[in-house]
């Protein structure tokens, strides 16, 4: 499972995203992405899949892109790993996350700790990293029907994306997101 390439591109920032872009990104992270903690206890954003969507995310938003061939199948990986970019990204999408909102809030706390470095901050980082890991390993999301209905309402009220590169992404992501909850009660 070796990586074939890894390219870096500067993130333009996430502060000026429109609401529909924030919802698109939140949906993508909730369904197929992750808010994870690196081995060095730094939060990062990760998206890996066999489609070329991670490549599109890299072209639009920067970060890192990689490609590898696990079990002979192509797999693209998009990652935002620089502290300021991760914080900007999480602050932009956090209100729209449903499944991974707690992880986003904890990751933002971690970044704030890393920026200020108060006494004993490393112990707190380890505790928060474990909390994110535990949430990521939970079997089912803590979501209720009211939250799902609110997300559906937000999505319904959105206008078509003016960005031609992201027009196809949103309907596909919404389909994936909606289908992942068809069996909840």
C-alpha atoms as a PDB file:
ATOM      1  CA  UNK A   1       0.000   0.000   0.000  1.00  0.00           C
ATOM      2  CA  UNK A   2       2.667   2.505  -1.010  1.00  0.00           C
ATOM      3  CA  UNK A   3       1.924   6.120  -1.826  1.00  0.00           C
ATOM      4  CA  UNK A   4       2.582   7.029  -5.407  1.00  0.00           C
ATOM      5  CA  UNK A   5       2.681  10.800  -4.989  1.00  0.00           C
ATOM      6  CA  UNK A   6       1.938  13.586  -2.547  1.00  0.00           C
ATOM      7  CA  UNK A   7       1.611  17.196  -3.704  1.00  0.00           C
ATOM      8  CA  UNK A   8       1.134  20.356  -1.672  1.00  0.00           C
ATOM      9  CA  UNK A   9      -0.866  23.427  -2.645  1.00  0.00           C
ATOM     10  CA  UNK A  10      -1.395  26.547  -0.518  1.00  0.00           C
ATOM     11  CA  UNK A  11      -4.904  26.802   0.950  1.00  0.00           C
ATOM     12  CA  UNK A  12      -6.626  30.034  -0.063  1.00  0.00           C
ATOM     13  CA  UNK A  13      -8.432  30.048   3.294  1.00  0.00           C
ATOM     14  CA  UNK A  14     -11.955  29.168   4.239  1.00  0.00           C
ATOM     15  CA  UNK A  15     -13.119  32.429   5.828  1.00  0.00           C
ATOM     16  CA  UNK A  16     -14.972  33.750   2.778  1.00  0.00           C
ATOM     17  CA  UNK A  17     -16.958  30.642   1.849  1.00  0.00           C
ATOM     18  CA  UNK A  18     -20.638  31.017   1.004  1.00  0.00           C
ATOM     19  CA  UNK A  19     -23.174  29.081   3.087  1.00  0.00           C
ATOM     20  CA  UNK A  20     -23.750  26.509   0.347  1.00  0.00           C
ATOM     21  CA  UNK A  21     -20.000  25.814   0.184  1.00  0.00           C
ATOM     22  CA  UNK A  22     -19.841  25.412   3.964  1.00  0.00           C
ATOM     23  CA  UNK A  23     -22.732  22.947   3.837  1.00  0.00           C
ATOM     24  CA  UNK A  24     -21.126  21.061   0.934  1.00  0.00           C
ATOM     25  CA  UNK A  25     -17.867  20.719   2.838  1.00  0.00           C
ATOM     26  CA  UNK A  26     -19.603  19.780   6.102  1.00  0.00           C
ATOM     27  CA  UNK A  27     -21.623  17.123   4.296  1.00  0.00           C
ATOM     28  CA  UNK A  28     -18.489  15.757   2.686  1.00  0.00           C
ATOM     29  CA  UNK A  29     -16.638  15.545   5.999  1.00  0.00           C
ATOM     30  CA  UNK A  30     -19.671  14.073   7.817  1.00  0.00           C
ATOM     31  CA  UNK A  31     -20.112  11.341   5.202  1.00  0.00           C
ATOM     32  CA  UNK A  32     -16.697  10.484   3.783  1.00  0.00           C
ATOM     33  CA  UNK A  33     -14.088  12.554   5.573  1.00  0.00           C
ATOM     34  CA  UNK A  34     -12.614  12.600   9.026  1.00  0.00           C
ATOM     35  CA  UNK A  35     -11.348  14.994  11.627  1.00  0.00           C
ATOM     36  CA  UNK A  36      -8.372  13.125  12.936  1.00  0.00           C
ATOM     37  CA  UNK A  37      -5.397  13.717  15.164  1.00  0.00           C
ATOM     38  CA  UNK A  38      -1.941  13.200  13.692  1.00  0.00           C
ATOM     39  CA  UNK A  39       0.714  11.192  15.488  1.00  0.00           C
ATOM     40  CA  UNK A  40       2.114  14.519  16.718  1.00  0.00           C
ATOM     41  CA  UNK A  41      -1.244  15.430  18.365  1.00  0.00           C
ATOM     42  CA  UNK A  42      -2.215  17.989  15.708  1.00  0.00           C
ATOM     43  CA  UNK A  43      -5.742  18.001  14.302  1.00  0.00           C
ATOM     44  CA  UNK A  44      -6.093  17.550  10.536  1.00  0.00           C
ATOM     45  CA  UNK A  45      -8.847  17.046   7.967  1.00  0.00           C
ATOM     46  CA  UNK A  46      -8.753  13.930   5.786  1.00  0.00           C
ATOM     47  CA  UNK A  47     -10.753  12.651   2.826  1.00  0.00           C
ATOM     48  CA  UNK A  48      -9.885   9.451   1.019  1.00  0.00           C
ATOM     49  CA  UNK A  49     -11.837   7.661  -1.684  1.00  0.00           C
ATOM     50  CA  UNK A  50     -11.509   5.886  -5.021  1.00  0.00           C
ATOM     51  CA  UNK A  51     -13.270   8.649  -6.992  1.00  0.00           C
ATOM     52  CA  UNK A  52     -11.384  11.770  -8.063  1.00  0.00           C
ATOM     53  CA  UNK A  53     -13.347  14.009  -5.677  1.00  0.00           C
ATOM     54  CA  UNK A  54     -10.298  14.436  -3.381  1.00  0.00           C
ATOM     55  CA  UNK A  55      -8.350  15.744  -6.398  1.00  0.00           C
ATOM     56  CA  UNK A  56     -11.096  18.298  -7.069  1.00  0.00           C
ATOM     57  CA  UNK A  57     -11.035  19.345  -3.393  1.00  0.00           C
ATOM     58  CA  UNK A  58      -7.271  19.852  -3.646  1.00  0.00           C
ATOM     59  CA  UNK A  59      -7.621  21.900  -6.846  1.00  0.00           C
ATOM     60  CA  UNK A  60     -10.214  24.197  -5.247  1.00  0.00           C
ATOM     61  CA  UNK A  61      -9.086  24.351  -1.600  1.00  0.00           C
ATOM     62  CA  UNK A  62      -5.411  23.393  -1.586  1.00  0.00           C
ATOM     63  CA  UNK A  63      -3.804  21.267   1.095  1.00  0.00           C
ATOM     64  CA  UNK A  64      -2.178  17.926   0.282  1.00  0.00           C
ATOM     65  CA  UNK A  65      -3.157  15.326  -2.298  1.00  0.00           C
ATOM     66  CA  UNK A  66      -1.849  11.813  -2.520  1.00  0.00           C
ATOM     67  CA  UNK A  67      -2.558   8.672  -4.509  1.00  0.00           C
ATOM     68  CA  UNK A  68      -1.926   5.068  -3.612  1.00  0.00           C
ATOM     69  CA  UNK A  69      -3.034   1.618  -4.697  1.00  0.00           C
ATOM     70  CA  UNK A  70      -4.315  -0.478  -1.790  1.00  0.00           C
ATOM     71  CA  UNK A  71      -5.264  -3.955  -3.008  1.00  0.00           C
ATOM     72  CA  UNK A  72      -4.532  -2.853  -6.584  1.00  0.00           C
ATOM     73  CA  UNK A  73      -7.265  -0.183  -6.614  1.00  0.00           C
ATOM     74  CA  UNK A  74      -6.581   3.534  -6.976  1.00  0.00           C
ATOM     75  CA  UNK A  75      -7.236   5.614  -3.846  1.00  0.00           C
ATOM     76  CA  UNK A  76      -6.921   9.409  -3.633  1.00  0.00           C
ATOM     77  CA  UNK A  77      -6.276  11.206  -0.336  1.00  0.00           C
ATOM     78  CA  UNK A  78      -6.898  14.910   0.346  1.00  0.00           C
ATOM     79  CA  UNK A  79      -5.667  16.424   3.583  1.00  0.00           C
ATOM     80  CA  UNK A  80      -5.622  19.835   5.220  1.00  0.00           C
ATOM     81  CA  UNK A  81      -2.903  19.694   7.836  1.00  0.00           C
ATOM     82  CA  UNK A  82      -1.541  23.159   8.555  1.00  0.00           C
ATOM     83  CA  UNK A  83      -2.834  24.397  11.891  1.00  0.00           C
ATOM     84  CA  UNK A  84      -4.227  27.731  10.646  1.00  0.00           C
ATOM     85  CA  UNK A  85      -5.906  26.111   7.634  1.00  0.00           C
ATOM     86  CA  UNK A  86      -7.459  23.374   9.774  1.00  0.00           C
ATOM     87  CA  UNK A  87      -8.817  25.933  12.231  1.00  0.00           C
ATOM     88  CA  UNK A  88     -10.209  28.120   9.430  1.00  0.00           C
ATOM     89  CA  UNK A  89     -11.788  25.061   7.773  1.00  0.00           C
ATOM     90  CA  UNK A  90     -13.363  23.786  11.010  1.00  0.00           C
ATOM     91  CA  UNK A  91     -14.692  27.195  12.017  1.00  0.00           C
ATOM     92  CA  UNK A  92     -16.306  27.485   8.569  1.00  0.00           C
ATOM     93  CA  UNK A  93     -18.076  24.112   8.624  1.00  0.00           C
ATOM     94  CA  UNK A  94     -18.677  23.428  12.341  1.00  0.00           C
ATOM     95  CA  UNK A  95     -22.215  24.894  12.487  1.00  0.00           C
ATOM     96  CA  UNK A  96     -23.255  22.614   9.590  1.00  0.00           C
ATOM     97  CA  UNK A  97     -21.737  19.375  10.836  1.00  0.00           C
ATOM     98  CA  UNK A  98     -24.065  16.827  12.385  1.00  0.00           C
ATOM     99  CA  UNK A  99     -22.115  13.619  12.903  1.00  0.00           C
ATOM    100  CA  UNK A 100     -18.661  15.109  13.509  1.00  0.00           C
ATOM    101  CA  UNK A 101     -19.542  18.404  15.169  1.00  0.00           C
ATOM    102  CA  UNK A 102     -18.114  17.312  18.541  1.00  0.00           C
ATOM    103  CA  UNK A 103     -14.831  16.293  16.914  1.00  0.00           C
ATOM    104  CA  UNK A 104     -14.642  19.685  15.194  1.00  0.00           C
ATOM    105  CA  UNK A 105     -15.206  21.559  18.452  1.00  0.00           C
ATOM    106  CA  UNK A 106     -12.562  19.516  20.241  1.00  0.00           C
ATOM    107  CA  UNK A 107     -10.080  19.976  17.378  1.00  0.00           C
ATOM    108  CA  UNK A 108     -10.626  23.746  17.523  1.00  0.00           C
ATOM    109  CA  UNK A 109      -9.915  23.629  21.290  1.00  0.00           C
ATOM    110  CA  UNK A 110      -6.730  21.690  20.563  1.00  0.00           C
ATOM    111  CA  UNK A 111      -5.552  24.265  18.037  1.00  0.00           C
ATOM    112  CA  UNK A 112      -6.275  27.070  20.505  1.00  0.00           C
ATOM    113  CA  UNK A 113      -4.182  25.217  23.105  1.00  0.00           C
ATOM    114  CA  UNK A 114      -1.345  24.811  20.601  1.00  0.00           C
ATOM    115  CA  UNK A 115      -1.461  28.530  19.809  1.00  0.00           C
ATOM    116  CA  UNK A 116      -1.421  29.672  23.458  1.00  0.00           C
ATOM    117  CA  UNK A 117       0.590  26.844  25.049  1.00  0.00           C
ATOM    118  CA  UNK A 118      -0.613  27.352  28.626  1.00  0.00           C
ATOM    119  CA  UNK A 119       1.015  25.357  31.454  1.00  0.00           C
ATOM    120  CA  UNK A 120       0.367  21.606  31.186  1.00  0.00           C
ATOM    121  CA  UNK A 121      -1.166  22.000  27.728  1.00  0.00           C
ATOM    122  CA  UNK A 122       0.412  18.735  26.501  1.00  0.00           C
ATOM    123  CA  UNK A 123      -1.581  16.722  29.035  1.00  0.00           C
ATOM    124  CA  UNK A 124      -4.769  18.447  27.890  1.00  0.00           C
ATOM    125  CA  UNK A 125      -3.851  17.782  24.240  1.00  0.00           C
ATOM    126  CA  UNK A 126      -3.466  14.065  24.971  1.00  0.00           C
ATOM    127  CA  UNK A 127      -6.844  13.988  26.729  1.00  0.00           C
ATOM    128  CA  UNK A 128      -8.582  15.821  23.875  1.00  0.00           C
ATOM    129  CA  UNK A 129      -6.865  13.622  21.259  1.00  0.00           C
ATOM    130  CA  UNK A 130      -8.225  10.534  23.022  1.00  0.00           C
ATOM    131  CA  UNK A 131     -11.678  12.108  23.099  1.00  0.00           C
ATOM    132  CA  UNK A 132     -11.595  12.690  19.322  1.00  0.00           C
ATOM    133  CA  UNK A 133     -10.321   9.151  18.770  1.00  0.00           C
ATOM    134  CA  UNK A 134     -13.113   7.702  20.919  1.00  0.00           C
ATOM    135  CA  UNK A 135     -15.731   9.720  19.031  1.00  0.00           C
ATOM    136  CA  UNK A 136     -14.287   8.608  15.680  1.00  0.00           C
ATOM    137  CA  UNK A 137     -14.447   4.986  16.800  1.00  0.00           C
ATOM    138  CA  UNK A 138     -18.066   5.169  18.015  1.00  0.00           C
ATOM    139  CA  UNK A 139     -20.340   2.844  16.080  1.00  0.00           C
ATOM    140  CA  UNK A 140     -23.293   5.163  15.465  1.00  0.00           C
ATOM    141  CA  UNK A 141     -23.710   8.931  15.270  1.00  0.00           C
ATOM    142  CA  UNK A 142     -25.732  10.739  17.899  1.00  0.00           C
ATOM    143  CA  UNK A 143     -28.324  12.321  15.612  1.00  0.00           C
ATOM    144  CA  UNK A 144     -32.043  12.828  16.032  1.00  0.00           C
ATOM    145  CA  UNK A 145     -34.825  13.399  13.551  1.00  0.00           C
ATOM    146  CA  UNK A 146     -35.045  17.137  14.315  1.00  0.00           C
ATOM    147  CA  UNK A 147     -31.362  17.645  13.400  1.00  0.00           C
ATOM    148  CA  UNK A 148     -31.822  15.692  10.178  1.00  0.00           C
ATOM    149  CA  UNK A 149     -34.913  17.743   9.259  1.00  0.00           C
ATOM    150  CA  UNK A 150     -33.008  20.995   9.913  1.00  0.00           C
ATOM    151  CA  UNK A 151     -30.156  19.908   7.667  1.00  0.00           C
ATOM    152  CA  UNK A 152     -32.635  18.921   4.952  1.00  0.00           C
ATOM    153  CA  UNK A 153     -34.294  22.330   5.250  1.00  0.00           C
ATOM    154  CA  UNK A 154     -30.926  24.116   4.987  1.00  0.00           C
ATOM    155  CA  UNK A 155     -30.074  22.125   1.882  1.00  0.00           C
ATOM    156  CA  UNK A 156     -33.476  22.660   0.266  1.00  0.00           C
ATOM    157  CA  UNK A 157     -33.164  26.434   0.674  1.00  0.00           C
ATOM    158  CA  UNK A 158     -29.772  26.593  -1.043  1.00  0.00           C
ATOM    159  CA  UNK A 159     -29.430  28.006  -4.526  1.00  0.00           C
ATOM    160  CA  UNK A 160     -27.407  26.216  -7.161  1.00  0.00           C
ATOM    161  CA  UNK A 161     -23.675  26.544  -6.696  1.00  0.00           C
ATOM    162  CA  UNK A 162     -22.200  29.231  -8.983  1.00  0.00           C
ATOM    163  CA  UNK A 163     -18.844  27.442  -8.993  1.00  0.00           C
ATOM    164  CA  UNK A 164     -18.852  25.086 -12.023  1.00  0.00           C
ATOM    165  CA  UNK A 165     -16.281  22.833 -10.379  1.00  0.00           C
ATOM    166  CA  UNK A 166     -18.534  22.127  -7.379  1.00  0.00           C
ATOM    167  CA  UNK A 167     -21.944  21.970  -9.123  1.00  0.00           C
ATOM    168  CA  UNK A 168     -21.865  18.189  -9.455  1.00  0.00           C
ATOM    169  CA  UNK A 169     -20.484  17.579  -5.978  1.00  0.00           C
ATOM    170  CA  UNK A 170     -23.403  18.766  -3.894  1.00  0.00           C
ATOM    171  CA  UNK A 171     -26.252  16.619  -5.305  1.00  0.00           C
ATOM    172  CA  UNK A 172     -23.991  13.567  -5.101  1.00  0.00           C
ATOM    173  CA  UNK A 173     -23.012  14.316  -1.495  1.00  0.00           C
ATOM    174  CA  UNK A 174     -26.595  14.964  -0.458  1.00  0.00           C
ATOM    175  CA  UNK A 175     -27.621  11.627  -1.936  1.00  0.00           C
ATOM    176  CA  UNK A 176     -24.850   9.877   0.002  1.00  0.00           C
ATOM    177  CA  UNK A 177     -25.722  11.762   3.178  1.00  0.00           C
ATOM    178  CA  UNK A 178     -29.447  11.073   2.925  1.00  0.00           C
ATOM    179  CA  UNK A 179     -28.979   7.394   2.094  1.00  0.00           C
ATOM    180  CA  UNK A 180     -26.727   6.905   5.121  1.00  0.00           C
ATOM    181  CA  UNK A 181     -29.662   7.779   7.419  1.00  0.00           C
ATOM    182  CA  UNK A 182     -32.471   5.851   5.769  1.00  0.00           C
ATOM    183  CA  UNK A 183     -32.342   3.177   8.439  1.00  0.00           C
ATOM    184  CA  UNK A 184     -32.258   5.355  11.557  1.00  0.00           C
ATOM    185  CA  UNK A 185     -35.330   5.506  13.786  1.00  0.00           C
END
